[in-house]
């Protein structure tokens, strides 16, 4: 049963990678306040999806999209900020 064992190991590694990649909105809030708040507020992104925000920030960091100042953010910082801004701009439930 080496194939079944390989599949089990591969599935476990995939799950671990996904869990490690989970964005942290609280960390994103701290990073956004330190690196972005002089020009941006979470409400600037009202209604935007976190995945879209993450893509835009990746493009800014890569120099594909113009930004007022050059941005240096790690992929984890980008994901965390996007999670924070995406959660902050989500419609509030009553």
Foldseek 3Di string as FASTA:
>chain_A
DVVVVVVVVVVVVVVVVVVVLDAAQVLLVVVCVVPPVVPDDLQVQAPHQLVVQLVVVVCQQVVNDDDPDHDDDDSNNSSNVSVNSRVVRDDDDD
